[in-house]
N, C-alpha and C. Protein backbone atom coordinates (compact mmCIF):
# COMPACT_ATOMS: atom_id res chain seq x y z
N MET A 1 1.08 -1.13 0.39
CA MET A 1 0.36 -0.07 -0.01
C MET A 1 1.31 1.00 -0.35
N GLY A 2 2.18 1.47 -0.38
CA GLY A 2 2.82 2.13 -0.67
C GLY A 2 3.48 2.50 0.47
N CYS A 3 4.14 1.70 1.33
CA CYS A 3 5.32 2.25 2.61
C CYS A 3 5.51 0.20 3.07
N ALA A 4 6.59 0.64 3.28
CA ALA A 4 7.63 -0.52 2.79
C ALA A 4 7.03 -1.92 4.81
N ILE A 5 6.87 -0.79 5.22
CA ILE A 5 6.37 -0.70 6.67
C ILE A 5 5.11 -1.95 6.65
N SER A 6 4.32 -1.07 5.90
CA SER A 6 3.11 -2.19 5.92
C SER A 6 3.11 -3.43 6.50
N GLY A 7 1.89 -3.62 7.06
CA GLY A 7 2.00 -5.59 7.30
C GLY A 7 3.20 -6.11 7.87
N LEU A 8 4.15 -4.99 8.08
CA LEU A 8 5.20 -6.61 9.26
C LEU A 8 4.79 -6.45 10.55
N GLU A 9 4.28 -5.87 11.04
CA GLU A 9 3.55 -6.53 12.48
C GLU A 9 3.22 -7.84 12.27
N ALA A 10 2.17 -8.66 11.15
CA ALA A 10 1.87 -9.97 11.00
C ALA A 10 3.68 -10.49 10.58
N LYS A 11 4.72 -10.16 10.40
CA LYS A 11 5.70 -10.80 10.28
C LYS A 11 6.67 -10.73 11.79
N GLY A 12 6.16 -9.51 12.59
CA GLY A 12 7.08 -10.01 13.62
C GLY A 12 7.92 -8.94 13.69
N GLU A 13 8.06 -7.96 12.66
CA GLU A 13 9.11 -7.14 12.62
C GLU A 13 8.40 -5.95 13.60
N PHE A 14 7.21 -6.10 13.56
CA PHE A 14 7.30 -4.47 14.16
C PHE A 14 5.93 -4.55 15.20
N GLY A 15 6.48 -5.63 15.96
CA GLY A 15 5.35 -6.22 17.53
C GLY A 15 5.60 -5.84 18.63
N GLU A 16 4.59 -6.41 19.42
CA GLU A 16 5.54 -6.20 20.69
C GLU A 16 6.29 -6.84 20.94
N ARG A 17 6.66 -5.68 22.18
CA ARG A 17 8.24 -6.84 22.91
C ARG A 17 7.37 -7.49 23.74
N THR A 18 8.07 -8.83 24.18
CA THR A 18 8.00 -9.55 25.17
C THR A 18 7.55 -8.90 26.53
N THR A 19 6.84 -10.03 27.47
CA THR A 19 6.89 -9.08 28.52
C THR A 19 8.31 -8.93 29.22
N GLU A 20 9.26 -9.65 29.17
CA GLU A 20 10.44 -9.73 29.11
C GLU A 20 11.57 -8.54 28.95
N ASP A 21 11.40 -8.41 27.25
CA ASP A 21 11.58 -6.62 27.16
C ASP A 21 11.18 -5.50 27.15
N ALA A 22 9.77 -5.67 27.78
CA ALA A 22 8.86 -4.83 27.49
C ALA A 22 8.72 -3.28 28.22
N ALA A 23 9.46 -3.69 29.00
CA ALA A 23 10.76 -2.34 30.05
C ALA A 23 11.74 -1.51 29.04
N ALA A 24 12.08 -1.99 28.19
CA ALA A 24 13.39 -1.29 27.42
C ALA A 24 12.22 0.06 26.60
N THR A 25 13.42 1.13 26.62
CA THR A 25 13.03 2.29 26.36
C THR A 25 13.54 3.12 25.48
N PRO A 26 13.19 3.92 24.98
CA PRO A 26 13.72 4.65 23.88
C PRO A 26 15.17 5.25 24.85
N SER A 27 16.13 5.27 23.89
CA SER A 27 17.44 5.90 24.55
C SER A 27 17.45 7.33 25.04
N GLU A 28 18.50 8.04 25.48
CA GLU A 28 18.40 9.70 25.27
C GLU A 28 18.17 10.25 23.96
N PRO A 29 19.73 9.45 23.24
CA PRO A 29 19.21 9.90 21.67
C PRO A 29 18.27 9.41 21.12
N GLN A 30 17.76 8.86 21.18
CA GLN A 30 16.09 8.11 20.62
C GLN A 30 15.02 9.31 20.81
N ILE A 31 15.35 9.66 22.10
CA ILE A 31 13.90 10.28 22.65
C ILE A 31 14.59 11.66 22.03
N GLN A 32 15.31 12.94 22.06
CA GLN A 32 15.64 14.03 21.58
C GLN A 32 15.25 13.46 19.59
N MET A 33 15.52 12.62 19.07
CA MET A 33 15.13 12.67 17.67
C MET A 33 13.69 12.46 17.73
N ILE A 34 13.14 11.59 18.70
CA ILE A 34 11.75 11.76 18.37
C ILE A 34 10.92 13.02 18.57
N LYS A 35 11.90 13.80 19.82
CA LYS A 35 11.34 15.35 20.31
C LYS A 35 11.22 16.24 18.88
N GLU A 36 12.31 16.13 18.57
CA GLU A 36 12.81 16.97 17.22
C GLU A 36 11.80 16.54 15.81
N SER A 37 11.56 15.46 16.42
CA SER A 37 10.86 15.54 14.87
C SER A 37 9.39 15.50 14.90
N TRP A 38 8.61 15.70 16.08
CA TRP A 38 7.30 15.64 17.00
C TRP A 38 6.90 17.19 16.62
N LYS A 39 8.03 18.02 16.80
CA LYS A 39 8.04 19.56 15.98
C LYS A 39 7.49 19.78 14.89
N VAL A 40 7.91 18.69 13.73
CA VAL A 40 7.65 19.16 12.68
C VAL A 40 5.96 18.86 12.25
N ILE A 41 6.19 17.12 12.76
CA ILE A 41 4.73 16.09 12.62
C ILE A 41 3.58 17.10 13.54
N ARG A 42 4.13 17.78 14.41
CA ARG A 42 2.28 17.95 15.37
C ARG A 42 2.08 19.37 14.12
N ASP A 43 2.88 20.04 13.68
CA ASP A 43 1.61 20.71 12.62
C ASP A 43 0.73 20.21 11.35
N ASP A 44 0.85 19.21 11.00
CA ASP A 44 -0.17 18.27 10.38
C ASP A 44 -0.30 17.15 11.53
N ILE A 45 -0.76 17.81 12.85
CA ILE A 45 -1.88 16.07 13.40
C ILE A 45 -2.89 15.45 13.03
N ALA A 46 -3.48 17.00 12.23
CA ALA A 46 -5.10 15.88 11.87
C ALA A 46 -5.15 15.46 10.64
N LYS A 47 -4.08 15.87 9.52
CA LYS A 47 -4.03 14.71 8.23
C LYS A 47 -3.36 13.97 8.62
N VAL A 48 -2.06 13.78 9.44
CA VAL A 48 -1.47 12.49 9.87
C VAL A 48 -2.64 11.15 10.65
N GLY A 49 -3.72 11.83 10.97
CA GLY A 49 -4.31 10.84 12.27
C GLY A 49 -4.99 10.13 10.50
N ILE A 50 -5.88 11.10 10.07
CA ILE A 50 -6.54 10.39 8.97
C ILE A 50 -5.69 9.37 7.72
N ILE A 51 -4.23 10.43 7.87
CA ILE A 51 -3.77 8.90 7.03
C ILE A 51 -3.79 7.63 7.61
N MET A 52 -3.71 8.04 8.55
CA MET A 52 -3.06 7.08 9.81
C MET A 52 -4.31 5.44 9.44
N PHE A 53 -5.10 6.20 10.35
CA PHE A 53 -6.40 5.49 9.95
C PHE A 53 -7.16 4.83 8.91
N VAL A 54 -6.90 5.88 7.44
CA VAL A 54 -7.27 5.37 6.53
C VAL A 54 -5.99 4.14 5.80
N ARG A 55 -5.15 4.61 6.32
CA ARG A 55 -4.38 3.46 5.59
C ARG A 55 -4.28 1.98 6.50
N LEU A 56 -4.67 2.38 7.76
CA LEU A 56 -4.69 1.25 8.82
C LEU A 56 -6.52 0.32 8.46
N PHE A 57 -6.86 0.97 7.92
CA PHE A 57 -8.34 0.42 7.28
C PHE A 57 -8.00 -0.38 6.10
N GLU A 58 -7.36 -0.06 5.29
CA GLU A 58 -7.01 -0.16 4.00
C GLU A 58 -6.31 -1.51 4.23
N THR A 59 -4.70 -1.92 4.91
CA THR A 59 -3.78 -2.56 5.13
C THR A 59 -4.65 -3.96 6.17
N HIS A 60 -5.35 -3.57 7.39
CA HIS A 60 -6.12 -3.99 8.26
C HIS A 60 -7.46 -4.17 8.21
N PRO A 61 -8.30 -4.47 7.33
CA PRO A 61 -9.29 -4.30 6.96
C PRO A 61 -10.28 -4.91 8.40
N GLU A 62 -9.68 -5.82 9.07
CA GLU A 62 -10.60 -5.91 10.03
C GLU A 62 -10.21 -5.62 11.33
N CYS A 63 -9.17 -4.13 11.09
CA CYS A 63 -9.58 -3.27 12.61
C CYS A 63 -10.50 -2.96 12.00
N LYS A 64 -11.89 -2.49 11.17
CA LYS A 64 -12.96 -2.03 11.42
C LYS A 64 -13.81 -2.40 12.12
N ASP A 65 -13.77 -3.84 12.61
CA ASP A 65 -14.53 -4.58 13.45
C ASP A 65 -14.39 -3.95 14.94
N VAL A 66 -13.24 -3.30 14.97
CA VAL A 66 -13.25 -2.63 16.57
C VAL A 66 -14.10 -0.84 16.64
N PHE A 67 -14.24 -0.66 15.50
CA PHE A 67 -14.83 0.91 14.87
C PHE A 67 -15.95 0.87 14.51
N PHE A 68 -17.09 0.81 15.69
CA PHE A 68 -18.24 0.46 15.31
C PHE A 68 -19.14 1.75 13.97
N LEU A 69 -18.40 2.62 14.16
CA LEU A 69 -18.94 3.74 12.90
C LEU A 69 -18.44 3.54 11.83
N PHE A 70 -17.34 2.92 12.07
CA PHE A 70 -16.65 2.68 10.14
C PHE A 70 -16.87 1.13 9.58
N ARG A 71 -17.66 0.64 10.58
CA ARG A 71 -17.42 -1.00 10.29
C ARG A 71 -17.85 -1.12 8.94
N ASP A 72 -18.95 -0.54 8.54
CA ASP A 72 -19.92 -0.93 7.16
C ASP A 72 -18.76 0.24 6.00
N VAL A 73 -18.46 0.91 6.54
CA VAL A 73 -17.50 2.09 5.33
C VAL A 73 -16.49 1.47 4.38
N GLU A 74 -17.66 1.07 3.36
CA GLU A 74 -16.12 0.30 2.24
C GLU A 74 -15.33 1.77 1.37
N ASP A 75 -16.37 2.75 1.28
CA ASP A 75 -15.96 3.64 0.25
C ASP A 75 -14.36 4.95 1.10
N LEU A 76 -13.51 4.62 0.56
CA LEU A 76 -12.17 5.59 1.70
C LEU A 76 -12.01 6.71 1.00
N GLU A 77 -13.14 7.33 0.28
CA GLU A 77 -13.08 8.68 0.29
C GLU A 77 -14.03 9.56 1.31
N ARG A 78 -14.34 8.05 2.00
CA ARG A 78 -16.05 8.92 2.90
C ARG A 78 -15.05 9.18 4.15
N LEU A 79 -13.86 8.34 4.37
CA LEU A 79 -13.58 8.14 5.62
C LEU A 79 -12.50 9.32 5.64
N ARG A 80 -11.71 9.57 4.49
CA ARG A 80 -10.96 10.69 4.33
C ARG A 80 -11.80 11.52 4.76
N THR A 81 -12.93 11.71 5.02
CA THR A 81 -13.85 13.56 4.92
C THR A 81 -14.37 12.48 5.62
N SER A 82 -14.67 11.86 6.84
CA SER A 82 -15.87 12.28 7.88
C SER A 82 -15.24 12.58 9.23
N ARG A 83 -15.91 13.76 9.60
CA ARG A 83 -15.22 14.49 10.86
C ARG A 83 -15.20 13.12 12.04
N GLU A 84 -15.69 12.06 12.65
CA GLU A 84 -15.39 10.65 13.04
C GLU A 84 -14.64 10.32 13.07
N LEU A 85 -13.99 10.22 12.02
CA LEU A 85 -12.53 9.83 11.45
C LEU A 85 -11.45 11.07 12.55
N ARG A 86 -11.75 11.95 11.62
CA ARG A 86 -11.13 13.06 12.21
C ARG A 86 -11.12 13.48 13.22
N ALA A 87 -12.29 13.65 14.28
CA ALA A 87 -11.77 13.21 15.69
C ALA A 87 -11.37 12.22 16.25
N HIS A 88 -11.72 11.10 16.12
CA HIS A 88 -10.94 9.62 16.00
C HIS A 88 -9.10 9.95 16.03
N GLY A 89 -8.43 10.54 14.93
CA GLY A 89 -7.14 10.69 14.60
C GLY A 89 -6.64 11.49 15.41
N LEU A 90 -7.28 12.89 15.84
CA LEU A 90 -7.08 13.77 16.47
C LEU A 90 -6.83 13.10 18.04
N ARG A 91 -7.60 12.17 18.89
CA ARG A 91 -7.29 11.64 20.09
C ARG A 91 -6.29 10.60 20.11
N VAL A 92 -6.05 10.08 18.98
CA VAL A 92 -4.34 9.29 18.83
C VAL A 92 -3.27 9.86 18.88
N MET A 93 -3.82 11.05 18.28
CA MET A 93 -2.13 11.64 17.34
C MET A 93 -1.83 12.89 19.24
N SER A 94 -3.51 12.59 19.89
CA SER A 94 -3.02 13.68 21.06
C SER A 94 -2.17 12.94 22.18
N PHE A 95 -2.41 11.61 22.28
CA PHE A 95 -2.10 10.70 23.16
C PHE A 95 -0.34 10.34 22.47
N ILE A 96 -0.60 10.60 21.31
CA ILE A 96 1.20 10.09 20.53
C ILE A 96 1.91 11.71 21.20
N GLU A 97 1.49 12.58 21.39
CA GLU A 97 1.86 14.01 21.43
C GLU A 97 2.06 14.04 23.39
N LYS A 98 0.71 13.33 23.96
CA LYS A 98 1.32 13.36 25.60
C LYS A 98 2.59 12.24 25.57
N SER A 99 2.80 10.87 24.91
CA SER A 99 3.67 10.25 25.05
C SER A 99 5.03 10.83 24.99
N VAL A 100 5.46 11.38 23.68
CA VAL A 100 6.32 11.86 23.18
C VAL A 100 7.10 13.42 24.72
N ALA A 101 5.52 14.13 25.60
CA ALA A 101 6.28 14.80 26.43
C ALA A 101 6.54 14.62 27.51
N ARG A 102 5.99 13.03 27.73
CA ARG A 102 6.57 12.50 29.07
C ARG A 102 7.87 11.03 28.61
N LEU A 103 8.34 11.56 27.66
CA LEU A 103 9.04 10.65 27.15
C LEU A 103 10.83 10.93 28.63
N ASP A 104 10.98 11.97 28.69
CA ASP A 104 11.41 12.62 30.17
C ASP A 104 10.83 12.15 31.25
N GLN A 105 9.96 11.38 31.53
CA GLN A 105 8.95 11.04 33.18
C GLN A 105 8.33 10.16 32.77
N LEU A 106 8.58 8.86 32.61
CA LEU A 106 8.59 7.36 32.19
C LEU A 106 7.58 6.94 32.66
N GLU A 107 7.37 7.37 34.43
CA GLU A 107 6.64 7.01 35.20
C GLU A 107 5.07 7.53 34.80
N ARG A 108 5.17 9.11 34.15
CA ARG A 108 3.67 9.52 33.90
C ARG A 108 3.69 8.58 32.62
N LEU A 109 4.36 8.32 31.76
CA LEU A 109 4.43 8.24 30.60
C LEU A 109 3.72 6.49 30.83
N GLU A 110 4.44 5.37 31.65
CA GLU A 110 3.76 4.20 31.51
C GLU A 110 2.37 4.33 32.67
N ALA A 111 2.20 5.05 33.38
CA ALA A 111 0.45 5.46 33.76
C ALA A 111 -0.78 5.67 32.71
N LEU A 112 0.41 6.47 32.21
CA LEU A 112 -0.51 6.95 30.72
C LEU A 112 -1.24 6.21 29.95
N ALA A 113 0.05 5.08 29.54
CA ALA A 113 -0.26 3.75 28.88
C ALA A 113 -1.24 2.65 29.23
N LEU A 114 -0.76 2.72 30.29
CA LEU A 114 -1.55 1.10 31.43
C LEU A 114 -2.74 1.95 30.87
N GLU A 115 -3.04 3.39 31.71
CA GLU A 115 -4.56 3.64 31.80
C GLU A 115 -5.45 3.43 30.43
N LEU A 116 -4.57 3.83 29.17
CA LEU A 116 -5.33 3.82 28.09
C LEU A 116 -5.62 1.93 27.47
N GLY A 117 -4.95 1.34 28.07
CA GLY A 117 -5.09 -0.26 27.74
C GLY A 117 -6.27 -0.54 28.10
N LYS A 118 -6.43 -0.16 30.03
CA LYS A 118 -7.52 -0.67 30.19
C LYS A 118 -8.89 -0.13 29.92
N SER A 119 -8.57 1.69 29.06
CA SER A 119 -10.04 2.20 28.46
C SER A 119 -10.24 1.24 26.90
N HIS A 120 -9.16 0.53 26.42
CA HIS A 120 -9.28 -0.43 25.49
C HIS A 120 -10.22 -1.69 25.61
N TYR A 121 -10.41 -2.03 26.58
CA TYR A 121 -10.74 -3.25 27.13
C TYR A 121 -11.78 -2.95 27.26
N HIS A 122 -12.52 -1.83 27.15
CA HIS A 122 -13.85 -1.48 27.59
C HIS A 122 -14.37 -0.74 25.81
N TYR A 123 -13.65 -0.60 25.37
CA TYR A 123 -13.61 -0.33 24.05
C TYR A 123 -14.23 -2.16 23.28
N ASN A 124 -13.43 -2.83 23.49
CA ASN A 124 -13.54 -4.10 22.89
C ASN A 124 -12.51 -4.15 21.73
N ALA A 125 -11.22 -3.18 22.26
CA ALA A 125 -10.21 -3.30 21.47
C ALA A 125 -9.11 -4.01 21.71
N PRO A 126 -8.45 -5.32 21.31
CA PRO A 126 -7.97 -6.55 21.76
C PRO A 126 -6.54 -5.67 21.56
N PRO A 127 -5.23 -5.66 22.31
CA PRO A 127 -3.90 -5.75 21.64
C PRO A 127 -3.54 -6.60 20.26
N LYS A 128 -3.79 -7.31 20.11
CA LYS A 128 -3.43 -7.52 18.45
C LYS A 128 -3.26 -6.09 17.63
N TYR A 129 -4.29 -5.42 17.68
CA TYR A 129 -4.48 -3.76 16.98
C TYR A 129 -2.92 -3.12 17.44
N TYR A 130 -3.03 -3.32 18.60
CA TYR A 130 -2.00 -1.91 18.82
C TYR A 130 -0.98 -1.70 17.86
N SER A 131 -0.06 -1.95 17.72
CA SER A 131 0.99 -2.09 17.17
C SER A 131 1.13 -1.56 15.69
N TYR A 132 0.07 -2.35 14.87
CA TYR A 132 -0.34 -1.86 13.73
C TYR A 132 -0.83 -0.05 13.55
N VAL A 133 -0.84 0.41 14.60
CA VAL A 133 -1.26 1.74 14.60
C VAL A 133 -0.23 2.84 14.37
N GLY A 134 0.93 2.20 15.24
CA GLY A 134 2.45 2.60 15.48
C GLY A 134 3.40 2.36 13.99
N ALA A 135 2.53 1.04 13.22
CA ALA A 135 3.35 1.01 12.01
C ALA A 135 2.72 1.91 10.83
N GLU A 136 1.33 2.39 11.09
CA GLU A 136 0.85 3.54 10.11
C GLU A 136 1.24 4.81 10.36
N PHE A 137 1.29 4.91 11.76
CA PHE A 137 1.86 6.23 12.04
C PHE A 137 2.96 6.52 11.36
N ILE A 138 4.31 5.52 10.84
CA ILE A 138 5.76 5.71 10.48
C ILE A 138 5.42 5.92 9.35
N CYS A 139 4.08 5.65 8.40
CA CYS A 139 4.25 5.28 6.99
C CYS A 139 3.37 6.70 6.94
N ALA A 140 2.66 7.57 7.83
CA ALA A 140 2.28 8.81 7.77
C ALA A 140 3.34 9.65 7.54
N VAL A 141 4.19 9.66 8.64
CA VAL A 141 5.16 10.65 8.74
C VAL A 141 6.00 10.88 7.91
N ARG A 142 6.68 9.33 7.91
CA ARG A 142 7.66 9.51 6.85
C ARG A 142 7.75 10.34 5.73
N PRO A 143 7.05 10.68 4.58
CA PRO A 143 6.37 12.05 3.63
C PRO A 143 6.77 13.53 4.59
N ILE A 144 6.31 13.48 5.33
CA ILE A 144 5.95 15.06 5.74
C ILE A 144 7.64 15.26 5.95
N LEU A 145 8.25 14.34 7.00
CA LEU A 145 9.96 14.62 7.14
C LEU A 145 10.69 14.82 6.58
N LYS A 146 10.38 14.42 4.84
CA LYS A 146 11.30 14.03 4.03
C LYS A 146 12.26 13.84 4.03
N GLU A 147 13.75 14.63 4.36
CA GLU A 147 14.88 14.22 4.46
C GLU A 147 15.37 14.04 5.62
N LYS A 148 14.37 14.54 6.36
CA LYS A 148 15.06 14.43 7.97
C LYS A 148 14.39 13.08 8.45
N TRP A 149 13.68 12.19 8.11
CA TRP A 149 13.72 10.89 7.72
C TRP A 149 14.46 10.08 7.73
N THR A 150 14.97 8.74 9.00
CA THR A 150 16.33 8.26 8.84
C THR A 150 16.12 7.20 9.28
N SER A 151 17.04 5.77 8.89
CA SER A 151 16.82 5.25 9.81
C SER A 151 16.90 4.72 11.23
N GLU A 152 17.45 5.47 11.47
CA GLU A 152 17.81 5.86 13.12
C GLU A 152 16.32 6.60 13.76
N LEU A 153 15.75 7.26 12.86
CA LEU A 153 14.61 7.97 13.36
C LEU A 153 13.91 6.88 13.54
N GLU A 154 12.98 5.93 12.33
CA GLU A 154 12.50 5.16 11.91
C GLU A 154 12.78 3.97 13.28
N GLU A 155 13.63 3.85 13.74
CA GLU A 155 14.49 2.59 14.99
C GLU A 155 13.65 3.43 16.02
N ALA A 156 13.70 4.45 16.20
CA ALA A 156 13.32 5.23 17.75
C ALA A 156 12.04 5.31 17.90
N TRP A 157 11.44 5.63 16.75
CA TRP A 157 9.84 5.48 16.87
C TRP A 157 9.70 3.83 17.35
N LYS A 158 9.82 2.83 16.08
CA LYS A 158 9.83 2.03 16.55
C LYS A 158 9.95 1.37 18.00
N THR A 159 11.15 2.05 19.09
CA THR A 159 11.00 1.63 19.84
C THR A 159 9.84 2.26 20.91
N LEU A 160 9.64 3.53 20.52
CA LEU A 160 8.33 4.27 21.56
C LEU A 160 7.33 3.58 21.15
N PHE A 161 6.75 3.36 20.16
CA PHE A 161 5.73 2.71 19.97
C PHE A 161 5.45 0.99 20.63
N GLN A 162 6.94 0.01 20.46
CA GLN A 162 7.03 -1.17 20.83
C GLN A 162 6.99 -0.68 22.59
N PHE A 163 7.12 0.18 23.00
CA PHE A 163 6.95 0.40 24.69
C PHE A 163 5.58 0.90 25.06
N VAL A 164 4.80 1.62 25.00
CA VAL A 164 3.64 1.93 24.41
C VAL A 164 2.66 1.11 24.60
N THR A 165 3.23 -0.16 23.38
CA THR A 165 1.84 -0.94 23.39
C THR A 165 2.12 -2.41 24.13
N GLY A 166 3.22 -2.11 24.24
CA GLY A 166 3.51 -3.35 25.68
C GLY A 166 2.86 -3.14 26.99
N LEU A 167 2.79 -2.11 27.38
CA LEU A 167 2.30 -1.19 28.54
C LEU A 167 0.86 -1.00 28.68
N MET A 168 -0.02 -1.02 26.80
CA MET A 168 -1.31 -1.03 26.69
C MET A 168 -1.60 -2.20 27.22
N LYS A 169 -1.05 -3.56 26.60
CA LYS A 169 -0.74 -4.48 26.42
C LYS A 169 -1.33 -5.10 27.71
N ARG A 170 -0.42 -4.89 28.76
CA ARG A 170 -0.14 -5.16 30.23
C ARG A 170 -1.89 -4.83 30.90
N GLY A 171 -1.76 -3.04 30.34
CA GLY A 171 -2.95 -2.12 31.15
C GLY A 171 -4.18 -2.87 31.06
N TYR A 172 -4.52 -3.41 29.44
CA TYR A 172 -5.78 -4.40 28.88
C TYR A 172 -5.66 -5.78 30.01
N GLU A 173 -4.71 -6.48 29.60
CA GLU A 173 -4.80 -7.92 30.44
C GLU A 173 -5.17 -8.03 31.89
N GLU A 174 -4.64 -6.78 32.78
CA GLU A 174 -4.93 -6.12 33.69
C GLU A 174 -6.52 -6.11 34.11
N GLU A 175 -7.28 -4.92 33.39
CA GLU A 175 -8.30 -4.88 33.35
C GLU A 175 -9.24 -6.03 32.54
N SER A 176 -8.89 -6.60 32.44
CA SER A 176 -9.67 -8.12 31.66
C SER A 176 -9.59 -8.59 33.62
N ASP A 177 -8.41 -9.08 33.69
CA ASP A 177 -8.62 -10.10 35.20
C ASP A 177 -9.43 -9.38 35.41
N ARG A 178 -9.46 -8.28 36.28
CA ARG A 178 -10.26 -7.51 37.40
C ARG A 178 -11.92 -7.18 36.98
N GLN A 179 -11.80 -7.50 35.73
CA GLN A 179 -13.78 -7.84 34.97
C GLN A 179 -13.92 -9.04 35.03
N ARG A 180 -12.76 -9.82 34.49
CA ARG A 180 -13.69 -11.48 35.78
C ARG A 180 -13.38 -11.96 36.44
N GLU A 181 -13.06 -11.11 37.78
CA GLU A 181 -13.18 -11.46 38.95
C GLU A 181 -14.28 -10.92 39.53
N LEU A 182 -14.65 -9.52 39.59
CA LEU A 182 -15.69 -8.41 39.18
C LEU A 182 -17.17 -9.67 38.71
N ALA A 183 -16.79 -10.78 37.50
CA ALA A 183 -18.27 -11.11 37.21
C ALA A 183 -18.66 -12.78 38.17
N ALA A 184 -17.40 -12.83 38.18
CA ALA A 184 -17.71 -14.21 39.57
C ALA A 184 -18.39 -14.28 40.02
N SER A 185 -19.28 -15.11 40.05
CA SER A 185 -20.94 -15.05 40.94
C SER A 185 -20.55 -15.07 42.27
N PRO A 186 -21.14 -14.88 43.30
CA PRO A 186 -21.08 -14.72 45.18
C PRO A 186 -20.51 -16.30 45.29
N LYS A 187 -21.37 -17.28 44.19
CA LYS A 187 -20.97 -18.82 45.03
C LYS A 187 -19.43 -19.16 44.71
N GLU A 188 -19.17 -18.66 43.57
CA GLU A 188 -17.75 -18.81 43.32
C GLU A 188 -16.82 -18.44 44.04
N ARG A 189 -17.00 -17.07 45.02
CA ARG A 189 -16.27 -16.53 45.51
C ARG A 189 -15.84 -17.06 47.26
N PRO A 190 -15.24 -17.19 47.91
CA PRO A 190 -15.63 -17.50 49.63
C PRO A 190 -16.21 -17.11 50.09
N ASP A 191 -16.80 -17.42 51.02
CA ASP A 191 -17.76 -16.37 52.07
C ASP A 191 -17.04 -16.60 52.99
N LYS A 192 -16.69 -15.49 53.21
CA LYS A 192 -16.65 -14.95 54.93
C LYS A 192 -17.13 -15.36 55.85
N ARG A 193 -17.90 -14.88 56.02
CA ARG A 193 -19.30 -15.63 56.99
C ARG A 193 -19.05 -16.93 57.59
N ASN A 194 -18.66 -17.52 56.43
CA ASN A 194 -18.64 -19.31 57.11
C ASN A 194 -17.09 -19.83 57.23
N THR A 195 -16.41 -18.61 56.74
CA THR A 195 -14.80 -18.89 57.43
C THR A 195 -14.51 -18.77 59.07
N ALA A 196 -14.89 -18.13 59.24
CA ALA A 196 -14.66 -17.54 60.99
C ALA A 196 -15.22 -18.93 61.56
N ILE A 197 -14.30 -19.29 62.84
CA ILE A 197 -14.72 -20.82 63.31
C ILE A 197 -15.26 -19.63 64.93
């Protein structure tokens, strides 16, 4: 679909990190590259958000199942002009902006990503889709950054997305476990009144 990175997640080249290396964060030079590139990207955040999601639906049409408003939309031009898609794209870009701003405060970034993962449980948006967004973001910003785009910058953004999506996955799983515990019937829960002697 015009970007060499599209579909790489399916091949495991852009997937989430495993639990063992989920704590891997961007290095200091990577953080500086991300911040510098964000200064250019943020001027086009609405455009990037739309491009990113239209590309996501082109490359991974199964993702539309998560988005009730776009589930039955086949016309990509209609998606490009959709106010709802623009609004969602801006929300995602806002999250990316907050992530970039918190790169020097990793505890805050971790809390933000964990909460987003928990909220995605309630949106019925499973973790298998999270890393697709990072790949499509990279494809969307590459033409905006033109000659400033390097393999080192691409690796820096990949590292950030892998870090964030790993945390989101953990948040999703924590919320899933919590909801299962809440849903357990009283019969399955130990009765504290009967355990006292």
